[in-house]
PDB file of N, CA and C in Angstrom:
ATOM      1  N   MET A   1     -21.974 -10.566   3.560  1.00  0.00           N
ATOM      2  CA  MET A   1     -21.843  -9.655   2.443  1.00  0.00           C
ATOM      3  C   MET A   1     -20.415  -9.108   2.444  1.00  0.00           C
ATOM      4  N   LYS A   2     -19.832  -9.068   1.284  1.00  0.00           N
ATOM      5  CA  LYS A   2     -18.457  -8.600   1.134  1.00  0.00           C
ATOM      6  C   LYS A   2     -18.452  -7.220   0.486  1.00  0.00           C
ATOM      7  N   GLY A   3     -17.534  -6.386   0.922  1.00  0.00           N
ATOM      8  CA  GLY A   3     -17.335  -5.060   0.338  1.00  0.00           C
ATOM      9  C   GLY A   3     -15.854  -4.791   0.193  1.00  0.00           C
ATOM     10  N   THR A   4     -15.520  -3.629  -0.300  1.00  0.00           N
ATOM     11  CA  THR A   4     -14.113  -3.265  -0.432  1.00  0.00           C
ATOM     12  C   THR A   4     -13.832  -1.957   0.287  1.00  0.00           C
ATOM     13  N   VAL A   5     -12.632  -1.876   0.801  1.00  0.00           N
ATOM     14  CA  VAL A   5     -12.118  -0.650   1.395  1.00  0.00           C
ATOM     15  C   VAL A   5     -10.932  -0.250   0.529  1.00  0.00           C
ATOM     16  N   GLU A   6     -10.882   1.020   0.148  1.00  0.00           N
ATOM     17  CA  GLU A   6      -9.824   1.491  -0.750  1.00  0.00           C
ATOM     18  C   GLU A   6      -9.072   2.673  -0.163  1.00  0.00           C
ATOM     19  N   ILE A   7      -7.783   2.675  -0.443  1.00  0.00           N
ATOM     20  CA  ILE A   7      -6.925   3.822  -0.188  1.00  0.00           C
ATOM     21  C   ILE A   7      -6.399   4.204  -1.565  1.00  0.00           C
ATOM     22  N   ARG A   8      -6.712   5.401  -2.034  1.00  0.00           N
ATOM     23  CA  ARG A   8      -6.308   5.820  -3.378  1.00  0.00           C
ATOM     24  C   ARG A   8      -5.386   7.022  -3.316  1.00  0.00           C
ATOM     25  N   GLY A   9      -4.290   6.910  -4.042  1.00  0.00           N
ATOM     26  CA  GLY A   9      -3.424   8.064  -4.231  1.00  0.00           C
ATOM     27  C   GLY A   9      -2.685   8.539  -2.989  1.00  0.00           C
ATOM     28  N   LEU A  10      -2.355   7.628  -2.088  1.00  0.00           N
ATOM     29  CA  LEU A  10      -1.578   8.004  -0.904  1.00  0.00           C
ATOM     30  C   LEU A  10      -0.150   8.305  -1.347  1.00  0.00           C
ATOM     31  N   ARG A  11       0.262   9.548  -1.194  1.00  0.00           N
ATOM     32  CA  ARG A  11       1.606   9.966  -1.637  1.00  0.00           C
ATOM     33  C   ARG A  11       2.507  10.157  -0.433  1.00  0.00           C
ATOM     34  N   LEU A  12       3.662   9.496  -0.518  1.00  0.00           N
ATOM     35  CA  LEU A  12       4.614   9.510   0.585  1.00  0.00           C
ATOM     36  C   LEU A  12       6.031   9.627   0.059  1.00  0.00           C
ATOM     37  N   PHE A  13       6.867  10.305   0.809  1.00  0.00           N
ATOM     38  CA  PHE A  13       8.290  10.350   0.506  1.00  0.00           C
ATOM     39  C   PHE A  13       8.924   9.107   1.129  1.00  0.00           C
ATOM     40  N   ALA A  14       9.794   8.435   0.360  1.00  0.00           N
ATOM     41  CA  ALA A  14      10.469   7.239   0.875  1.00  0.00           C
ATOM     42  C   ALA A  14      11.815   7.075   0.182  1.00  0.00           C
ATOM     43  N   ARG A  15      12.574   6.111   0.651  1.00  0.00           N
ATOM     44  CA  ARG A  15      13.937   5.895   0.154  1.00  0.00           C
ATOM     45  C   ARG A  15      14.111   4.487  -0.399  1.00  0.00           C
ATOM     46  N   HIS A  16      13.286   4.133  -1.363  1.00  0.00           N
ATOM     47  CA  HIS A  16      13.372   2.825  -2.000  1.00  0.00           C
ATOM     48  C   HIS A  16      14.112   2.946  -3.318  1.00  0.00           C
ATOM     49  N   GLY A  17      14.894   1.930  -3.646  1.00  0.00           N
ATOM     50  CA  GLY A  17      15.565   1.912  -4.937  1.00  0.00           C
ATOM     51  C   GLY A  17      16.790   1.028  -4.921  1.00  0.00           C
ATOM     52  N   VAL A  18      17.183   0.593  -6.100  1.00  0.00           N
ATOM     53  CA  VAL A  18      18.355  -0.259  -6.255  1.00  0.00           C
ATOM     54  C   VAL A  18      19.639   0.549  -6.096  1.00  0.00           C
ATOM     55  N   PHE A  19      19.625   1.788  -6.579  1.00  0.00           N
ATOM     56  CA  PHE A  19      20.822   2.613  -6.560  1.00  0.00           C
ATOM     57  C   PHE A  19      20.983   3.341  -5.226  1.00  0.00           C
ATOM     58  N   ALA A  20      22.238   3.480  -4.782  1.00  0.00           N
ATOM     59  CA  ALA A  20      22.527   4.141  -3.509  1.00  0.00           C
ATOM     60  C   ALA A  20      21.958   5.555  -3.475  1.00  0.00           C
ATOM     61  N   GLN A  21      22.031   6.265  -4.596  1.00  0.00           N
ATOM     62  CA  GLN A  21      21.524   7.635  -4.634  1.00  0.00           C
ATOM     63  C   GLN A  21      20.013   7.680  -4.362  1.00  0.00           C
ATOM     64  N   GLU A  22      19.284   6.687  -4.841  1.00  0.00           N
ATOM     65  CA  GLU A  22      17.838   6.653  -4.599  1.00  0.00           C
ATOM     66  C   GLU A  22      17.536   6.547  -3.110  1.00  0.00           C
ATOM     67  N   ARG A  23      18.357   5.783  -2.430  1.00  0.00           N
ATOM     68  CA  ARG A  23      18.154   5.629  -0.985  1.00  0.00           C
ATOM     69  C   ARG A  23      18.627   6.857  -0.222  1.00  0.00           C
ATOM     70  N   GLU A  24      19.594   7.554  -0.762  1.00  0.00           N
ATOM     71  CA  GLU A  24      20.106   8.751  -0.097  1.00  0.00           C
ATOM     72  C   GLU A  24      19.175   9.941  -0.320  1.00  0.00           C
ATOM     73  N   VAL A  25      18.804  10.188  -1.568  1.00  0.00           N
ATOM     74  CA  VAL A  25      17.989  11.348  -1.924  1.00  0.00           C
ATOM     75  C   VAL A  25      16.506  11.102  -1.668  1.00  0.00           C
ATOM     76  N   GLY A  26      16.038   9.889  -1.941  1.00  0.00           N
ATOM     77  CA  GLY A  26      14.626   9.562  -1.781  1.00  0.00           C
ATOM     78  C   GLY A  26      13.801   9.971  -2.986  1.00  0.00           C
ATOM     79  N   ASN A  27      12.519   9.690  -2.913  1.00  0.00           N
ATOM     80  CA  ASN A  27      11.629   9.937  -4.031  1.00  0.00           C
ATOM     81  C   ASN A  27      10.199  10.012  -3.503  1.00  0.00           C
ATOM     82  N   LEU A  28       9.310  10.500  -4.339  1.00  0.00           N
ATOM     83  CA  LEU A  28       7.889  10.506  -4.020  1.00  0.00           C
ATOM     84  C   LEU A  28       7.269   9.232  -4.577  1.00  0.00           C
ATOM     85  N   PHE A  29       6.461   8.580  -3.766  1.00  0.00           N
ATOM     86  CA  PHE A  29       5.790   7.350  -4.154  1.00  0.00           C
ATOM     87  C   PHE A  29       4.293   7.515  -3.965  1.00  0.00           C
ATOM     88  N   GLN A  30       3.549   6.722  -4.725  1.00  0.00           N
ATOM     89  CA  GLN A  30       2.106   6.661  -4.540  1.00  0.00           C
ATOM     90  C   GLN A  30       1.728   5.220  -4.239  1.00  0.00           C
ATOM     91  N   VAL A  31       0.857   5.044  -3.253  1.00  0.00           N
ATOM     92  CA  VAL A  31       0.390   3.713  -2.884  1.00  0.00           C
ATOM     93  C   VAL A  31      -1.127   3.689  -3.015  1.00  0.00           C
ATOM     94  N   ASP A  32      -1.616   2.655  -3.688  1.00  0.00           N
ATOM     95  CA  ASP A  32      -3.052   2.413  -3.826  1.00  0.00           C
ATOM     96  C   ASP A  32      -3.327   1.010  -3.297  1.00  0.00           C
ATOM     97  N   VAL A  33      -4.359   0.892  -2.476  1.00  0.00           N
ATOM     98  CA  VAL A  33      -4.703  -0.389  -1.867  1.00  0.00           C
ATOM     99  C   VAL A  33      -6.204  -0.592  -1.966  1.00  0.00           C
ATOM    100  N   ARG A  34      -6.601  -1.799  -2.280  1.00  0.00           N
ATOM    101  CA  ARG A  34      -8.014  -2.187  -2.222  1.00  0.00           C
ATOM    102  C   ARG A  34      -8.076  -3.571  -1.594  1.00  0.00           C
ATOM    103  N   VAL A  35      -8.896  -3.724  -0.565  1.00  0.00           N
ATOM    104  CA  VAL A  35      -9.058  -5.025   0.060  1.00  0.00           C
ATOM    105  C   VAL A  35     -10.536  -5.380   0.140  1.00  0.00           C
ATOM    106  N   ALA A  36     -10.826  -6.660  -0.097  1.00  0.00           N
ATOM    107  CA  ALA A  36     -12.183  -7.187   0.042  1.00  0.00           C
ATOM    108  C   ALA A  36     -12.327  -7.735   1.452  1.00  0.00           C
ATOM    109  N   TYR A  37     -13.436  -7.398   2.086  1.00  0.00           N
ATOM    110  CA  TYR A  37     -13.603  -7.739   3.495  1.00  0.00           C
ATOM    111  C   TYR A  37     -15.072  -8.020   3.768  1.00  0.00           C
ATOM    112  N   PRO A  38     -15.360  -9.024   4.612  1.00  0.00           N
ATOM    113  CA  PRO A  38     -16.760  -9.259   4.984  1.00  0.00           C
ATOM    114  C   PRO A  38     -17.227  -8.156   5.932  1.00  0.00           C
ATOM    115  N   MET A  39     -18.037  -7.246   5.426  1.00  0.00           N
ATOM    116  CA  MET A  39     -18.382  -6.073   6.226  1.00  0.00           C
ATOM    117  C   MET A  39     -19.857  -5.962   6.563  1.00  0.00           C
ATOM    118  N   GLU A  40     -20.545  -7.083   6.584  1.00  0.00           N
ATOM    119  CA  GLU A  40     -21.972  -7.059   6.909  1.00  0.00           C
ATOM    120  C   GLU A  40     -22.217  -6.482   8.306  1.00  0.00           C
ATOM    121  N   ARG A  41     -21.371  -6.835   9.259  1.00  0.00           N
ATOM    122  CA  ARG A  41     -21.527  -6.306  10.626  1.00  0.00           C
ATOM    123  C   ARG A  41     -21.408  -4.784  10.631  1.00  0.00           C
ATOM    124  N   ALA A  42     -20.435  -4.264   9.911  1.00  0.00           N
ATOM    125  CA  ALA A  42     -20.265  -2.811   9.853  1.00  0.00           C
ATOM    126  C   ALA A  42     -21.486  -2.139   9.243  1.00  0.00           C
ATOM    127  N   MET A  43     -22.042  -2.760   8.220  1.00  0.00           N
ATOM    128  CA  MET A  43     -23.212  -2.169   7.557  1.00  0.00           C
ATOM    129  C   MET A  43     -24.440  -2.205   8.462  1.00  0.00           C
ATOM    130  N   ARG A  44     -24.649  -3.307   9.141  1.00  0.00           N
ATOM    131  CA  ARG A  44     -25.849  -3.448   9.977  1.00  0.00           C
ATOM    132  C   ARG A  44     -25.751  -2.688  11.291  1.00  0.00           C
ATOM    133  N   GLU A  45     -24.563  -2.739  11.914  1.00  0.00           N
ATOM    134  CA  GLU A  45     -24.419  -2.208  13.258  1.00  0.00           C
ATOM    135  C   GLU A  45     -23.723  -0.851  13.307  1.00  0.00           C
ATOM    136  N   ASP A  46     -23.273  -0.348  12.167  1.00  0.00           N
ATOM    137  CA  ASP A  46     -22.544   0.924  12.139  1.00  0.00           C
ATOM    138  C   ASP A  46     -21.362   0.869  13.099  1.00  0.00           C
ATOM    139  N   CYS A  47     -20.600  -0.248  12.978  1.00  0.00           N
ATOM    140  CA  CYS A  47     -19.545  -0.569  13.931  1.00  0.00           C
ATOM    141  C   CYS A  47     -18.195  -0.675  13.228  1.00  0.00           C
ATOM    142  N   LEU A  48     -17.228   0.118  13.658  1.00  0.00           N
ATOM    143  CA  LEU A  48     -15.897   0.116  13.052  1.00  0.00           C
ATOM    144  C   LEU A  48     -15.206  -1.229  13.199  1.00  0.00           C
ATOM    145  N   ASP A  49     -15.495  -1.963  14.261  1.00  0.00           N
ATOM    146  CA  ASP A  49     -14.883  -3.278  14.461  1.00  0.00           C
ATOM    147  C   ASP A  49     -15.293  -4.287  13.386  1.00  0.00           C
ATOM    148  N   GLY A  50     -16.306  -3.975  12.616  1.00  0.00           N
ATOM    149  CA  GLY A  50     -16.787  -4.891  11.591  1.00  0.00           C
ATOM    150  C   GLY A  50     -16.231  -4.615  10.209  1.00  0.00           C
ATOM    151  N   THR A  51     -15.189  -3.806  10.122  1.00  0.00           N
ATOM    152  CA  THR A  51     -14.621  -3.474   8.812  1.00  0.00           C
ATOM    153  C   THR A  51     -13.124  -3.212   8.949  1.00  0.00           C
ATOM    154  N   VAL A  52     -12.520  -2.834   7.839  1.00  0.00           N
ATOM    155  CA  VAL A  52     -11.115  -2.449   7.821  1.00  0.00           C
ATOM    156  C   VAL A  52     -11.051  -0.938   8.042  1.00  0.00           C
ATOM    157  N   ASN A  53     -10.317  -0.527   9.043  1.00  0.00           N
ATOM    158  CA  ASN A  53     -10.188   0.879   9.391  1.00  0.00           C
ATOM    159  C   ASN A  53      -9.163   1.519   8.447  1.00  0.00           C
ATOM    160  N   TYR A  54      -9.614   2.357   7.528  1.00  0.00           N
ATOM    161  CA  TYR A  54      -8.688   2.913   6.536  1.00  0.00           C
ATOM    162  C   TYR A  54      -7.630   3.814   7.151  1.00  0.00           C
ATOM    163  N   ALA A  55      -7.926   4.470   8.258  1.00  0.00           N
ATOM    164  CA  ALA A  55      -6.899   5.280   8.929  1.00  0.00           C
ATOM    165  C   ALA A  55      -5.789   4.378   9.467  1.00  0.00           C
ATOM    166  N   ASP A  56      -6.165   3.218   9.984  1.00  0.00           N
ATOM    167  CA  ASP A  56      -5.186   2.237  10.451  1.00  0.00           C
ATOM    168  C   ASP A  56      -4.353   1.717   9.288  1.00  0.00           C
ATOM    169  N   VAL A  57      -5.004   1.463   8.159  1.00  0.00           N
ATOM    170  CA  VAL A  57      -4.295   0.972   6.966  1.00  0.00           C
ATOM    171  C   VAL A  57      -3.278   2.017   6.504  1.00  0.00           C
ATOM    172  N   VAL A  58      -3.665   3.269   6.475  1.00  0.00           N
ATOM    173  CA  VAL A  58      -2.725   4.332   6.094  1.00  0.00           C
ATOM    174  C   VAL A  58      -1.524   4.335   7.040  1.00  0.00           C
ATOM    175  N   GLY A  59      -1.757   4.170   8.319  1.00  0.00           N
ATOM    176  CA  GLY A  59      -0.660   4.115   9.277  1.00  0.00           C
ATOM    177  C   GLY A  59       0.280   2.945   9.025  1.00  0.00           C
ATOM    178  N   LEU A  60      -0.283   1.774   8.713  1.00  0.00           N
ATOM    179  CA  LEU A  60       0.547   0.601   8.405  1.00  0.00           C
ATOM    180  C   LEU A  60       1.384   0.837   7.153  1.00  0.00           C
ATOM    181  N   ILE A  61       0.760   1.433   6.144  1.00  0.00           N
ATOM    182  CA  ILE A  61       1.481   1.720   4.898  1.00  0.00           C
ATOM    183  C   ILE A  61       2.631   2.691   5.168  1.00  0.00           C
ATOM    184  N   LYS A  62       2.368   3.741   5.931  1.00  0.00           N
ATOM    185  CA  LYS A  62       3.414   4.716   6.249  1.00  0.00           C
ATOM    186  C   LYS A  62       4.594   4.045   6.953  1.00  0.00           C
ATOM    187  N   GLU A  63       4.309   3.161   7.895  1.00  0.00           N
ATOM    188  CA  GLU A  63       5.376   2.464   8.617  1.00  0.00           C
ATOM    189  C   GLU A  63       6.229   1.624   7.672  1.00  0.00           C
ATOM    190  N   GLU A  64       5.595   0.912   6.757  1.00  0.00           N
ATOM    191  CA  GLU A  64       6.343   0.070   5.821  1.00  0.00           C
ATOM    192  C   GLU A  64       7.099   0.907   4.786  1.00  0.00           C
ATOM    193  N   MET A  65       6.533   2.028   4.389  1.00  0.00           N
ATOM    194  CA  MET A  65       7.224   2.898   3.432  1.00  0.00           C
ATOM    195  C   MET A  65       8.453   3.545   4.062  1.00  0.00           C
ATOM    196  N   ASP A  66       8.494   3.647   5.377  1.00  0.00           N
ATOM    197  CA  ASP A  66       9.656   4.212   6.071  1.00  0.00           C
ATOM    198  C   ASP A  66      10.852   3.261   6.104  1.00  0.00           C
ATOM    199  N   VAL A  67      10.642   1.996   5.764  1.00  0.00           N
ATOM    200  CA  VAL A  67      11.724   0.999   5.760  1.00  0.00           C
ATOM    201  C   VAL A  67      12.263   0.886   4.338  1.00  0.00           C
ATOM    202  N   PRO A  68      13.505   1.334   4.083  1.00  0.00           N
ATOM    203  CA  PRO A  68      14.041   1.288   2.712  1.00  0.00           C
ATOM    204  C   PRO A  68      14.144  -0.136   2.164  1.00  0.00           C
ATOM    205  N   SER A  69      13.801  -0.273   0.890  1.00  0.00           N
ATOM    206  CA  SER A  69      13.921  -1.542   0.174  1.00  0.00           C
ATOM    207  C   SER A  69      14.537  -1.266  -1.188  1.00  0.00           C
ATOM    208  N   ALA A  70      15.248  -2.238  -1.705  1.00  0.00           N
ATOM    209  CA  ALA A  70      15.786  -2.107  -3.054  1.00  0.00           C
ATOM    210  C   ALA A  70      14.660  -2.198  -4.084  1.00  0.00           C
ATOM    211  N   LEU A  71      13.711  -3.095  -3.853  1.00  0.00           N
ATOM    212  CA  LEU A  71      12.672  -3.378  -4.846  1.00  0.00           C
ATOM    213  C   LEU A  71      11.282  -3.003  -4.350  1.00  0.00           C
ATOM    214  N   LEU A  72      10.478  -2.470  -5.247  1.00  0.00           N
ATOM    215  CA  LEU A  72       9.090  -2.161  -4.918  1.00  0.00           C
ATOM    216  C   LEU A  72       8.292  -3.432  -4.656  1.00  0.00           C
ATOM    217  N   GLU A  73       8.703  -4.538  -5.244  1.00  0.00           N
ATOM    218  CA  GLU A  73       8.052  -5.823  -4.980  1.00  0.00           C
ATOM    219  C   GLU A  73       8.113  -6.145  -3.484  1.00  0.00           C
ATOM    220  N   ASN A  74       9.265  -5.865  -2.875  1.00  0.00           N
ATOM    221  CA  ASN A  74       9.432  -6.120  -1.446  1.00  0.00           C
ATOM    222  C   ASN A  74       8.554  -5.195  -0.622  1.00  0.00           C
ATOM    223  N   VAL A  75       8.453  -3.951  -1.034  1.00  0.00           N
ATOM    224  CA  VAL A  75       7.603  -2.988  -0.325  1.00  0.00           C
ATOM    225  C   VAL A  75       6.149  -3.451  -0.365  1.00  0.00           C
ATOM    226  N   ALA A  76       5.666  -3.821  -1.551  1.00  0.00           N
ATOM    227  CA  ALA A  76       4.278  -4.273  -1.694  1.00  0.00           C
ATOM    228  C   ALA A  76       4.026  -5.521  -0.855  1.00  0.00           C
ATOM    229  N   TRP A  77       4.974  -6.448  -0.856  1.00  0.00           N
ATOM    230  CA  TRP A  77       4.828  -7.682  -0.081  1.00  0.00           C
ATOM    231  C   TRP A  77       4.740  -7.378   1.419  1.00  0.00           C
ATOM    232  N   ARG A  78       5.597  -6.478   1.893  1.00  0.00           N
ATOM    233  CA  ARG A  78       5.582  -6.151   3.316  1.00  0.00           C
ATOM    234  C   ARG A  78       4.268  -5.483   3.726  1.00  0.00           C
ATOM    235  N   ILE A  79       3.742  -4.626   2.857  1.00  0.00           N
ATOM    236  CA  ILE A  79       2.437  -4.014   3.139  1.00  0.00           C
ATOM    237  C   ILE A  79       1.376  -5.105   3.202  1.00  0.00           C
ATOM    238  N   HIS A  80       1.411  -6.019   2.251  1.00  0.00           N
ATOM    239  CA  HIS A  80       0.468  -7.149   2.241  1.00  0.00           C
ATOM    240  C   HIS A  80       0.533  -7.938   3.539  1.00  0.00           C
ATOM    241  N   GLU A  81       1.736  -8.267   3.965  1.00  0.00           N
ATOM    242  CA  GLU A  81       1.907  -9.066   5.181  1.00  0.00           C
ATOM    243  C   GLU A  81       1.363  -8.340   6.415  1.00  0.00           C
ATOM    244  N   ARG A  82       1.609  -7.058   6.503  1.00  0.00           N
ATOM    245  CA  ARG A  82       1.092  -6.279   7.635  1.00  0.00           C
ATOM    246  C   ARG A  82      -0.432  -6.225   7.621  1.00  0.00           C
ATOM    247  N   LEU A  83      -1.009  -6.018   6.439  1.00  0.00           N
ATOM    248  CA  LEU A  83      -2.469  -5.973   6.338  1.00  0.00           C
ATOM    249  C   LEU A  83      -3.096  -7.303   6.742  1.00  0.00           C
ATOM    250  N   MET A  84      -2.516  -8.394   6.251  1.00  0.00           N
ATOM    251  CA  MET A  84      -3.076  -9.711   6.548  1.00  0.00           C
ATOM    252  C   MET A  84      -2.914 -10.068   8.030  1.00  0.00           C
ATOM    253  N   ALA A  85      -1.826  -9.639   8.641  1.00  0.00           N
ATOM    254  CA  ALA A  85      -1.633  -9.896  10.068  1.00  0.00           C
ATOM    255  C   ALA A  85      -2.642  -9.107  10.906  1.00  0.00           C
ATOM    256  N   ARG A  86      -2.914  -7.877  10.483  1.00  0.00           N
ATOM    257  CA  ARG A  86      -3.837  -7.015  11.233  1.00  0.00           C
ATOM    258  C   ARG A  86      -5.301  -7.365  10.970  1.00  0.00           C
ATOM    259  N   TYR A  87      -5.609  -7.755   9.727  1.00  0.00           N
ATOM    260  CA  TYR A  87      -6.983  -8.060   9.320  1.00  0.00           C
ATOM    261  C   TYR A  87      -7.034  -9.421   8.628  1.00  0.00           C
ATOM    262  N   PRO A  88      -6.942 -10.513   9.377  1.00  0.00           N
ATOM    263  CA  PRO A  88      -6.886 -11.842   8.758  1.00  0.00           C
ATOM    264  C   PRO A  88      -8.143 -12.229   7.968  1.00  0.00           C
ATOM    265  N   ALA A  89      -9.249 -11.520   8.155  1.00  0.00           N
ATOM    266  CA  ALA A  89     -10.470 -11.834   7.404  1.00  0.00           C
ATOM    267  C   ALA A  89     -10.478 -11.229   5.998  1.00  0.00           C
ATOM    268  N   ILE A  90      -9.426 -10.481   5.638  1.00  0.00           N
ATOM    269  CA  ILE A  90      -9.342  -9.952   4.273  1.00  0.00           C
ATOM    270  C   ILE A  90      -9.415 -11.123   3.300  1.00  0.00           C
ATOM    271  N   GLU A  91     -10.278 -11.013   2.314  1.00  0.00           N
ATOM    272  CA  GLU A  91     -10.510 -12.103   1.365  1.00  0.00           C
ATOM    273  C   GLU A  91      -9.758 -11.941   0.053  1.00  0.00           C
ATOM    274  N   GLY A  92      -9.150 -10.814  -0.154  1.00  0.00           N
ATOM    275  CA  GLY A  92      -8.409 -10.557  -1.387  1.00  0.00           C
ATOM    276  C   GLY A  92      -8.200  -9.073  -1.552  1.00  0.00           C
ATOM    277  N   GLY A  93      -7.433  -8.714  -2.565  1.00  0.00           N
ATOM    278  CA  GLY A  93      -7.220  -7.306  -2.820  1.00  0.00           C
ATOM    279  C   GLY A  93      -6.043  -7.044  -3.730  1.00  0.00           C
ATOM    280  N   TYR A  94      -5.630  -5.803  -3.769  1.00  0.00           N
ATOM    281  CA  TYR A  94      -4.420  -5.451  -4.521  1.00  0.00           C
ATOM    282  C   TYR A  94      -3.703  -4.305  -3.829  1.00  0.00           C
ATOM    283  N   ILE A  95      -2.421  -4.260  -4.103  1.00  0.00           N
ATOM    284  CA  ILE A  95      -1.559  -3.187  -3.620  1.00  0.00           C
ATOM    285  C   ILE A  95      -0.722  -2.732  -4.801  1.00  0.00           C
ATOM    286  N   LYS A  96      -0.712  -1.441  -5.036  1.00  0.00           N
ATOM    287  CA  LYS A  96       0.096  -0.868  -6.111  1.00  0.00           C
ATOM    288  C   LYS A  96       1.017   0.178  -5.508  1.00  0.00           C
ATOM    289  N   VAL A  97       2.322   0.043  -5.789  1.00  0.00           N
ATOM    290  CA  VAL A  97       3.318   1.006  -5.318  1.00  0.00           C
ATOM    291  C   VAL A  97       3.974   1.609  -6.557  1.00  0.00           C
ATOM    292  N   THR A  98       3.890   2.924  -6.686  1.00  0.00           N
ATOM    293  CA  THR A  98       4.420   3.632  -7.854  1.00  0.00           C
ATOM    294  C   THR A  98       5.498   4.615  -7.428  1.00  0.00           C
ATOM    295  N   LYS A  99       6.633   4.556  -8.116  1.00  0.00           N
ATOM    296  CA  LYS A  99       7.695   5.554  -7.927  1.00  0.00           C
ATOM    297  C   LYS A  99       7.406   6.669  -8.930  1.00  0.00           C
ATOM    298  N   ILE A 100       7.129   7.869  -8.422  1.00  0.00           N
ATOM    299  CA  ILE A 100       6.660   8.961  -9.268  1.00  0.00           C
ATOM    300  C   ILE A 100       7.731   9.466 -10.241  1.00  0.00           C
ATOM    301  N   SER A 101       8.955   9.627  -9.790  1.00  0.00           N
ATOM    302  CA  SER A 101      10.027  10.164 -10.648  1.00  0.00           C
ATOM    303  C   SER A 101      11.243   9.237 -10.616  1.00  0.00           C
ATOM    304  N   PRO A 102      11.177   8.126 -11.314  1.00  0.00           N
ATOM    305  CA  PRO A 102      12.303   7.190 -11.284  1.00  0.00           C
ATOM    306  C   PRO A 102      13.520   7.767 -12.010  1.00  0.00           C
ATOM    307  N   PRO A 103      14.719   7.303 -11.640  1.00  0.00           N
ATOM    308  CA  PRO A 103      15.934   7.805 -12.293  1.00  0.00           C
ATOM    309  C   PRO A 103      16.147   7.131 -13.648  1.00  0.00           C
ATOM    310  N   ILE A 104      15.221   7.403 -14.552  1.00  0.00           N
ATOM    311  CA  ILE A 104      15.244   6.824 -15.898  1.00  0.00           C
ATOM    312  C   ILE A 104      15.196   7.991 -16.877  1.00  0.00           C
ATOM    313  N   PRO A 105      16.061   8.013 -17.879  1.00  0.00           N
ATOM    314  CA  PRO A 105      16.043   9.119 -18.844  1.00  0.00           C
ATOM    315  C   PRO A 105      14.884   8.978 -19.845  1.00  0.00           C
ATOM    316  N   ALA A 106      13.683   9.179 -19.336  1.00  0.00           N
ATOM    317  CA  ALA A 106      12.491   9.096 -20.185  1.00  0.00           C
ATOM    318  C   ALA A 106      11.386   9.916 -19.528  1.00  0.00           C
ATOM    319  N   GLU A 107      10.448  10.392 -20.342  1.00  0.00           N
ATOM    320  CA  GLU A 107       9.315  11.122 -19.798  1.00  0.00           C
ATOM    321  C   GLU A 107       8.196  10.120 -19.526  1.00  0.00           C
ATOM    322  N   LEU A 108       7.824   9.997 -18.254  1.00  0.00           N
ATOM    323  CA  LEU A 108       6.774   9.053 -17.882  1.00  0.00           C
ATOM    324  C   LEU A 108       6.104   9.498 -16.594  1.00  0.00           C
ATOM    325  N   ASP A 109       4.954   8.915 -16.286  1.00  0.00           N
ATOM    326  CA  ASP A 109       4.197   9.276 -15.090  1.00  0.00           C
ATOM    327  C   ASP A 109       4.690   8.545 -13.849  1.00  0.00           C
ATOM    328  N   GLY A 110       5.464   7.505 -14.037  1.00  0.00           N
ATOM    329  CA  GLY A 110       5.968   6.731 -12.908  1.00  0.00           C
ATOM    330  C   GLY A 110       6.151   5.286 -13.320  1.00  0.00           C
ATOM    331  N   VAL A 111       6.783   4.539 -12.448  1.00  0.00           N
ATOM    332  CA  VAL A 111       6.934   3.092 -12.627  1.00  0.00           C
ATOM    333  C   VAL A 111       6.465   2.428 -11.337  1.00  0.00           C
ATOM    334  N   GLY A 112       5.961   1.223 -11.456  1.00  0.00           N
ATOM    335  CA  GLY A 112       5.442   0.620 -10.242  1.00  0.00           C
ATOM    336  C   GLY A 112       5.254  -0.869 -10.321  1.00  0.00           C
ATOM    337  N   VAL A 113       4.781  -1.379  -9.209  1.00  0.00           N
ATOM    338  CA  VAL A 113       4.503  -2.793  -9.033  1.00  0.00           C
ATOM    339  C   VAL A 113       3.112  -2.923  -8.442  1.00  0.00           C
ATOM    340  N   GLU A 114       2.362  -3.884  -8.929  1.00  0.00           N
ATOM    341  CA  GLU A 114       1.050  -4.172  -8.385  1.00  0.00           C
ATOM    342  C   GLU A 114       0.973  -5.650  -8.065  1.00  0.00           C
ATOM    343  N   ILE A 115       0.523  -5.972  -6.864  1.00  0.00           N
ATOM    344  CA  ILE A 115       0.300  -7.369  -6.521  1.00  0.00           C
ATOM    345  C   ILE A 115      -1.192  -7.552  -6.248  1.00  0.00           C
ATOM    346  N   GLU A 116      -1.676  -8.731  -6.537  1.00  0.00           N
ATOM    347  CA  GLU A 116      -3.084  -9.038  -6.347  1.00  0.00           C
ATOM    348  C   GLU A 116      -3.216 -10.428  -5.783  1.00  0.00           C
ATOM    349  N   TRP A 117      -4.162 -10.602  -4.886  1.00  0.00           N
ATOM    350  CA  TRP A 117      -4.407 -11.921  -4.326  1.00  0.00           C
ATOM    351  C   TRP A 117      -5.883 -12.130  -4.110  1.00  0.00           C
TER     352      TRP A 117
END
């Protein structure tokens, strides 16, 4: 049986951006992750080893967000790679990285990148 584990609305300060000022000043970002995982063991045995540990996932995301990147595409890819290395049984999912206040002269809620596999 397959289920999903989600991290919604994780807000972190980071230094991603194409412009030097973005990397110097930083910005607030939001990360949303959903992964599909075979979790029948967790359901039957009430065992953390049978699922994706969301606290561990948050830690992995924080580590990757601490590494500055020019592009959010690179940030999302690195999070994906870390998740897949840690939990190779992941069957699919998505990662969305949103820059809350981009340096764009427009009123908006944010800009972001979403990858899905």
